[in-house]
């Protein structure tokens, strides 16, 4: 995952992750199709999730395990995760498919057995979901593997993020990337608070980014302009697909446009540079300068009526205008002539 290794470089390109999540709809062939579509749309990485309903929760329908609001209202946690999970027997094959076409493969484990499984299939990095920021034992176990860790921070307080980061570092792992995230589905602009991302970079001295659950690409492109080095976005083949995440996921053409806009934003940000470009040098010829705007006779005084600061730039610089007013011309000068030092010195006669 070369893209992750270079993110500490301020001039590195943003690393763009397409989150498959539940959008395969339980069909292996669709999962493969999503991987190819993500690659075609410009993603650097395809991400899945490694859990089963039984590793992430229990089969219970009492009040604690029932979702009472939002887009998944009425579901139990178990029933939702049963629909959404990616079968583990697929995952090695999906990774090999990603490797074959040249797109990075990443997964979010939700318990230690998932970490062990992902180690067996030789993943190169880990994602920690927002909901798991408080699972310190899990974070410690993931960190002990010594691989890069991307951690989303939706719902987390500064103290909770600090504890998670410190847990990773205590394991001798400093390969940390933190994503600002609003854990609402979909998120609205008022809840994005992208300035927090900048504060996290300052507080933890790590590359930062955005796990974006909002609709469209405005938040993602804005985040990149603010310094985000990672963008994660849910990805589906079509929002018409009846999956747990399709309603807030991005379709391939939209994702491709987002990638295009991010790359344009990166080009526009460029580097700190006060040098004049070749095209700007051409434009400089259309700056303002001092010009003769009415025929002037030898010995005639220079006034606001016969010389002015106008475009283009072939005359004396405008900063000398007040100094030359009232001086006497040494020669006849025609209207439209650039006013230069050869015509009259700054000091006058």
Protein backbone atom coordinates (compact mmCIF):
# COMPACT_ATOMS: atom_id res chain seq x y z
CA UNK A 1 0.00 0.00 0.00
CA UNK A 2 2.47 2.56 -1.27
CA UNK A 3 -0.11 5.33 -1.18
CA UNK A 4 -0.34 5.10 2.61
CA UNK A 5 3.42 5.05 3.11
CA UNK A 6 3.84 8.39 1.38
CA UNK A 7 1.10 10.31 3.16
CA UNK A 8 3.47 12.01 5.59
CA UNK A 9 4.80 13.89 2.59
CA UNK A 10 2.94 17.19 2.25
CA UNK A 11 3.08 16.91 -1.54
CA UNK A 12 1.59 13.40 -1.64
CA UNK A 13 -1.68 12.71 -3.39
CA UNK A 14 -4.80 12.02 -1.37
CA UNK A 15 -5.46 8.31 -0.82
CA UNK A 16 -9.04 7.53 -1.91
CA UNK A 17 -10.89 4.55 -0.43
CA UNK A 18 -14.07 3.02 -1.84
CA UNK A 19 -16.01 1.34 0.98
CA UNK A 20 -17.97 -1.64 -0.30
CA UNK A 21 -19.62 -2.44 3.03
CA UNK A 22 -22.97 -4.20 2.45
CA UNK A 23 -23.38 -3.09 -1.15
CA UNK A 24 -22.57 -6.52 -2.56
CA UNK A 25 -26.06 -7.57 -1.42
CA UNK A 26 -24.85 -11.04 -0.48
CA UNK A 27 -23.62 -11.86 -3.99
CA UNK A 28 -19.97 -12.69 -4.58
CA UNK A 29 -20.14 -11.77 -8.25
CA UNK A 30 -21.44 -8.31 -7.37
CA UNK A 31 -18.60 -7.86 -4.87
CA UNK A 32 -16.12 -8.59 -7.65
CA UNK A 33 -17.94 -6.19 -9.95
CA UNK A 34 -17.75 -3.47 -7.27
CA UNK A 35 -13.98 -3.96 -6.99
CA UNK A 36 -13.56 -3.48 -10.74
CA UNK A 37 -15.92 -0.51 -10.81
CA UNK A 38 -14.03 1.15 -7.93
CA UNK A 39 -10.73 0.71 -9.77
CA UNK A 40 -12.27 2.16 -12.94
CA UNK A 41 -13.67 5.12 -10.98
CA UNK A 42 -10.20 6.02 -9.72
CA UNK A 43 -10.17 4.60 -6.19
CA UNK A 44 -6.78 3.71 -4.72
CA UNK A 45 -8.27 1.14 -2.37
CA UNK A 46 -11.32 -1.07 -1.94
CA UNK A 47 -12.42 -1.61 1.66
CA UNK A 48 -14.62 -4.31 3.15
CA UNK A 49 -15.61 -5.25 6.71
CA UNK A 50 -14.71 -8.46 8.52
CA UNK A 51 -17.32 -9.66 10.99
CA UNK A 52 -20.28 -11.99 11.27
CA UNK A 53 -23.53 -11.26 13.10
CA UNK A 54 -22.30 -13.50 15.92
CA UNK A 55 -18.86 -11.88 16.25
CA UNK A 56 -20.23 -8.35 16.44
CA UNK A 57 -23.41 -8.81 18.52
CA UNK A 58 -25.92 -11.47 19.68
CA UNK A 59 -29.28 -12.58 18.33
CA UNK A 60 -31.59 -10.69 20.67
CA UNK A 61 -34.62 -8.49 20.04
CA UNK A 62 -35.05 -6.72 23.36
CA UNK A 63 -34.92 -2.94 23.63
CA UNK A 64 -31.14 -2.82 23.82
CA UNK A 65 -30.62 -4.58 20.50
CA UNK A 66 -33.40 -2.93 18.48
CA UNK A 67 -32.78 0.15 16.30
CA UNK A 68 -35.48 2.72 17.07
CA UNK A 69 -34.69 5.54 14.66
CA UNK A 70 -32.98 6.40 11.43
CA UNK A 71 -32.87 4.53 8.16
CA UNK A 72 -32.57 1.13 9.85
CA UNK A 73 -35.45 1.67 12.28
CA UNK A 74 -37.13 -1.59 13.33
CA UNK A 75 -34.12 -3.80 12.62
CA UNK A 76 -32.34 -5.63 15.37
CA UNK A 77 -28.57 -5.32 15.31
CA UNK A 78 -28.33 -9.03 14.52
CA UNK A 79 -30.74 -8.87 11.58
CA UNK A 80 -29.00 -5.80 10.15
CA UNK A 81 -25.53 -7.33 10.36
CA UNK A 82 -26.80 -10.61 8.95
CA UNK A 83 -27.88 -8.72 5.82
CA UNK A 84 -24.77 -6.58 5.67
CA UNK A 85 -21.78 -8.79 6.44
CA UNK A 86 -19.29 -10.00 3.87
CA UNK A 87 -18.83 -13.79 4.09
CA UNK A 88 -15.33 -14.62 5.25
CA UNK A 89 -14.93 -17.36 2.65
CA UNK A 90 -15.08 -14.62 -0.01
CA UNK A 91 -12.47 -12.35 1.44
CA UNK A 92 -9.23 -14.00 0.38
CA UNK A 93 -10.62 -14.33 -3.15
CA UNK A 94 -11.68 -10.67 -3.13
CA UNK A 95 -8.21 -9.62 -1.99
CA UNK A 96 -6.62 -11.65 -4.78
CA UNK A 97 -8.99 -10.04 -7.28
CA UNK A 98 -8.00 -6.60 -6.01
CA UNK A 99 -4.31 -7.53 -6.19
CA UNK A 100 -4.78 -8.77 -9.75
CA UNK A 101 -6.21 -5.50 -11.05
CA UNK A 102 -3.93 -3.23 -9.00
CA UNK A 103 -6.16 -1.76 -6.34
CA UNK A 104 -5.29 -1.90 -2.63
CA UNK A 105 -7.38 -4.08 -0.32
CA UNK A 106 -8.34 -3.00 3.20
CA UNK A 107 -10.71 -4.31 5.84
CA UNK A 108 -12.19 -3.31 9.17
CA UNK A 109 -12.03 -6.10 11.77
CA UNK A 110 -14.53 -6.00 14.64
CA UNK A 111 -13.01 -8.55 16.99
CA UNK A 112 -9.79 -10.48 17.54
CA UNK A 113 -10.88 -13.46 15.45
CA UNK A 114 -11.35 -11.11 12.51
CA UNK A 115 -7.84 -9.72 13.04
CA UNK A 116 -6.40 -13.26 13.08
CA UNK A 117 -8.30 -14.09 9.91
CA UNK A 118 -7.02 -10.96 8.14
CA UNK A 119 -3.48 -11.76 9.25
CA UNK A 120 -3.87 -15.16 7.62
CA UNK A 121 -4.79 -13.59 4.29
CA UNK A 122 -1.90 -11.11 4.68
CA UNK A 123 -3.62 -7.74 4.71
CA UNK A 124 -1.18 -4.83 4.73
CA UNK A 125 -3.14 -2.36 6.87
CA UNK A 126 -6.18 -2.11 9.13
CA UNK A 127 -9.16 0.18 9.47
CA UNK A 128 -10.76 0.90 12.84
CA UNK A 129 -14.42 1.91 12.60
CA UNK A 130 -15.84 4.86 14.50
CA UNK A 131 -17.98 2.61 16.68
CA UNK A 132 -14.87 0.66 17.75
CA UNK A 133 -12.81 3.64 18.93
CA UNK A 134 -13.77 2.72 22.50
CA UNK A 135 -12.81 -0.96 22.08
CA UNK A 136 -9.36 -0.49 23.56
CA UNK A 137 -8.54 -4.24 23.80
CA UNK A 138 -9.29 -4.62 20.08
CA UNK A 139 -7.27 -1.53 19.17
CA UNK A 140 -4.34 -2.80 21.23
CA UNK A 141 -4.47 -6.16 19.44
CA UNK A 142 -4.61 -4.55 16.00
CA UNK A 143 -1.74 -2.20 16.88
CA UNK A 144 0.41 -5.14 18.00
CA UNK A 145 0.53 -6.34 14.38
CA UNK A 146 2.69 -3.35 13.50
CA UNK A 147 0.75 -2.43 10.37
CA UNK A 148 -0.66 0.96 9.33
CA UNK A 149 -3.95 1.83 11.05
CA UNK A 150 -6.62 4.15 9.69
CA UNK A 151 -9.04 5.14 12.44
CA UNK A 152 -12.40 6.87 12.01
CA UNK A 153 -13.55 9.04 14.90
CA UNK A 154 -17.30 9.56 14.52
CA UNK A 155 -19.05 10.01 17.91
CA UNK A 156 -15.70 10.01 19.71
CA UNK A 157 -14.69 12.71 22.18
CA UNK A 158 -11.20 14.17 22.19
CA UNK A 159 -10.39 12.11 25.30
CA UNK A 160 -11.58 8.91 23.61
CA UNK A 161 -9.51 9.61 20.49
CA UNK A 162 -6.50 10.41 22.65
CA UNK A 163 -6.84 7.13 24.54
CA UNK A 164 -7.10 5.15 21.31
CA UNK A 165 -4.07 6.88 19.76
CA UNK A 166 -2.03 6.39 22.93
CA UNK A 167 -2.99 2.70 22.96
CA UNK A 168 -1.63 2.29 19.44
CA UNK A 169 1.57 4.15 20.24
CA UNK A 170 2.19 2.15 23.41
CA UNK A 171 2.40 -0.91 21.16
CA UNK A 172 5.26 0.78 19.32
CA UNK A 173 3.07 1.48 16.31
CA UNK A 174 3.24 5.02 14.95
CA UNK A 175 1.67 4.26 11.57
CA UNK A 176 -1.54 6.10 12.43
CA UNK A 177 -4.01 7.96 10.21
CA UNK A 178 -7.07 9.63 11.72
CA UNK A 179 -10.29 10.33 9.82
CA UNK A 180 -12.85 12.92 10.81
CA UNK A 181 -16.27 11.32 10.55
CA UNK A 182 -19.88 12.14 11.24
CA UNK A 183 -21.59 8.86 12.13
CA UNK A 184 -24.97 9.78 10.72
CA UNK A 185 -26.34 8.14 7.58
CA UNK A 186 -26.38 10.27 5.55
CA UNK A 187 -24.49 13.12 7.21
CA UNK A 188 -25.56 16.73 6.66
CA UNK A 189 -23.15 19.65 6.10
CA UNK A 190 -23.93 21.23 9.46
CA UNK A 191 -22.62 18.12 11.23
CA UNK A 192 -19.42 17.71 9.23
CA UNK A 193 -17.27 20.22 11.17
CA UNK A 194 -14.28 19.76 8.91
CA UNK A 195 -12.19 22.21 10.93
CA UNK A 196 -11.96 19.46 13.56
CA UNK A 197 -9.84 17.51 11.10
CA UNK A 198 -7.23 20.28 11.14
CA UNK A 199 -7.28 20.35 14.94
CA UNK A 200 -6.75 16.57 15.07
CA UNK A 201 -3.70 16.92 12.85
CA UNK A 202 -2.27 19.51 15.25
CA UNK A 203 -3.15 17.51 18.39
CA UNK A 204 -1.86 14.13 17.26
CA UNK A 205 0.73 15.04 14.62
CA UNK A 206 -0.53 12.44 12.15
CA UNK A 207 -1.96 12.57 8.62
CA UNK A 208 -5.70 13.18 8.70
CA UNK A 209 -8.63 12.69 6.36
CA UNK A 210 -12.37 12.27 6.09
CA UNK A 211 -14.66 9.27 6.26
CA UNK A 212 -17.52 10.88 4.39
CA UNK A 213 -21.11 9.73 4.84
CA UNK A 214 -22.62 12.83 3.26
CA UNK A 215 -24.29 12.88 -0.14
CA UNK A 216 -22.30 14.25 -3.05
CA UNK A 217 -18.61 15.19 -3.15
CA UNK A 218 -18.53 18.74 -1.76
CA UNK A 219 -17.37 17.66 1.71
CA UNK A 220 -14.68 15.36 0.34
CA UNK A 221 -13.25 17.92 -2.09
CA UNK A 222 -13.35 20.63 0.58
CA UNK A 223 -11.57 18.35 3.03
CA UNK A 224 -8.78 17.73 0.53
CA UNK A 225 -8.39 21.48 0.02
CA UNK A 226 -8.05 21.75 3.80
CA UNK A 227 -5.31 19.13 3.95
CA UNK A 228 -7.05 15.73 4.04
CA UNK A 229 -4.72 12.95 2.94
CA UNK A 230 -7.34 10.17 2.97
CA UNK A 231 -10.93 10.20 1.72
CA UNK A 232 -13.21 7.25 2.38
CA UNK A 233 -16.58 7.06 0.67
CA UNK A 234 -19.20 4.29 0.53
CA UNK A 235 -19.42 2.88 -2.98
CA UNK A 236 -22.20 0.98 -4.75
CA UNK A 237 -23.08 0.02 -8.29
CA UNK A 238 -26.51 1.65 -7.97
CA UNK A 239 -28.49 3.29 -5.17
CA UNK A 240 -31.46 1.36 -6.54
CA UNK A 241 -29.90 -1.80 -5.10
CA UNK A 242 -31.67 -2.89 -1.94
CA UNK A 243 -28.74 -3.08 0.46
CA UNK A 244 -28.18 -1.69 3.94
CA UNK A 245 -25.86 1.07 2.74
CA UNK A 246 -26.89 1.88 -0.82
CA UNK A 247 -29.08 4.87 0.11
CA UNK A 248 -26.06 6.98 1.13
CA UNK A 249 -23.42 5.39 -1.11
CA UNK A 250 -21.86 6.86 -4.22
CA UNK A 251 -22.44 5.39 -7.68
CA UNK A 252 -19.46 4.82 -10.02
CA UNK A 253 -19.99 7.90 -12.20
CA UNK A 254 -20.33 10.08 -9.09
CA UNK A 255 -17.24 8.55 -7.51
CA UNK A 256 -15.27 9.11 -10.70
CA UNK A 257 -16.33 12.76 -10.74
CA UNK A 258 -15.32 13.12 -7.09
CA UNK A 259 -11.87 11.67 -7.81
CA UNK A 260 -11.53 14.06 -10.76
CA UNK A 261 -12.47 17.03 -8.58
CA UNK A 262 -10.07 15.96 -5.83
CA UNK A 263 -7.21 15.67 -8.31
CA UNK A 264 -8.07 19.11 -9.72
CA UNK A 265 -8.12 20.53 -6.18
CA UNK A 266 -4.68 19.04 -5.52
CA UNK A 267 -3.33 20.59 -8.71
CA UNK A 268 -4.85 23.93 -7.77
CA UNK A 269 -3.34 23.84 -4.28
CA UNK A 270 0.10 23.20 -5.75
CA UNK A 271 2.95 24.41 -3.57
CA UNK A 272 4.11 27.63 -1.93
CA UNK A 273 5.43 29.61 -4.86
CA UNK A 274 5.93 33.33 -5.49
CA UNK A 275 7.58 32.90 -8.85
CA UNK A 276 5.81 34.21 -11.92
CA UNK A 277 4.58 31.55 -14.32
CA UNK A 278 5.12 31.85 -18.08
CA UNK A 279 1.43 32.57 -18.60
CA UNK A 280 1.49 35.21 -15.88
CA UNK A 281 4.44 36.86 -17.62
CA UNK A 282 2.21 37.34 -20.64
CA UNK A 283 -0.54 38.79 -18.46
CA UNK A 284 1.91 41.22 -16.84
CA UNK A 285 2.04 43.11 -20.13
CA UNK A 286 -1.56 44.12 -19.49
CA UNK A 287 -0.92 45.66 -16.09
CA UNK A 288 -1.26 49.42 -15.62
CA UNK A 289 1.47 52.00 -16.24
CA UNK A 290 1.82 55.71 -16.98
CA UNK A 291 0.80 56.71 -20.53
CA UNK A 292 0.52 59.97 -22.41
CA UNK A 293 -3.20 60.42 -23.09
CA UNK A 294 -3.05 63.77 -24.90
CA UNK A 295 -0.43 65.30 -27.20
CA UNK A 296 2.21 67.14 -25.15
CA UNK A 297 4.46 69.94 -26.45
CA UNK A 298 8.06 70.45 -25.44
CA UNK A 299 8.13 72.54 -22.26
CA UNK A 300 4.54 71.71 -21.34
CA UNK A 301 3.80 70.63 -17.77
CA UNK A 302 2.65 67.11 -17.03
CA UNK A 303 -0.88 67.09 -15.60
CA UNK A 304 -3.65 64.67 -14.75
CA UNK A 305 -5.18 65.61 -18.11
CA UNK A 306 -2.24 64.64 -20.31
CA UNK A 307 -0.82 61.65 -18.44
CA UNK A 308 -2.74 58.87 -16.71
CA UNK A 309 -2.27 55.47 -15.12
CA UNK A 310 -3.96 53.05 -17.53
CA UNK A 311 -3.49 49.64 -19.05
CA UNK A 312 -1.19 48.29 -20.63
CA UNK A 313 2.17 48.07 -18.83
CA UNK A 314 4.76 49.49 -21.24
CA UNK A 315 5.06 52.81 -19.44
CA UNK A 316 6.63 53.88 -16.17
CA UNK A 317 5.31 52.12 -13.07
CA UNK A 318 2.24 53.72 -11.46
CA UNK A 319 4.08 54.31 -8.18
CA UNK A 320 5.95 57.22 -9.86
CA UNK A 321 2.78 59.01 -11.05
CA UNK A 322 2.55 61.60 -8.27
CA UNK A 323 6.27 62.36 -8.58
CA UNK A 324 6.17 63.22 -12.29
CA UNK A 325 3.07 65.41 -12.14
CA UNK A 326 4.06 69.08 -12.56
CA UNK A 327 7.36 68.30 -14.27
CA UNK A 328 8.13 69.73 -17.69
CA UNK A 329 8.38 67.65 -20.84
CA UNK A 330 11.77 67.73 -22.60
CA UNK A 331 10.27 66.97 -25.99
CA UNK A 332 7.07 66.69 -27.98
CA UNK A 333 5.14 63.53 -27.04
CA UNK A 334 2.23 62.01 -28.93
CA UNK A 335 -0.94 60.62 -27.33
CA UNK A 336 -0.62 56.89 -26.70
CA UNK A 337 3.10 56.99 -25.98
CA UNK A 338 4.31 55.03 -22.94
CA UNK A 339 5.71 57.46 -20.40
CA UNK A 340 9.32 56.38 -19.75
CA UNK A 341 12.43 57.72 -18.03
CA UNK A 342 13.85 58.59 -21.46
CA UNK A 343 11.14 61.21 -21.86
CA UNK A 344 11.56 62.83 -18.46
CA UNK A 345 13.53 61.87 -15.41
CA UNK A 346 11.85 61.30 -12.07
CA UNK A 347 13.73 64.30 -10.70
CA UNK A 348 12.62 66.61 -13.50
CA UNK A 349 14.75 69.56 -14.77
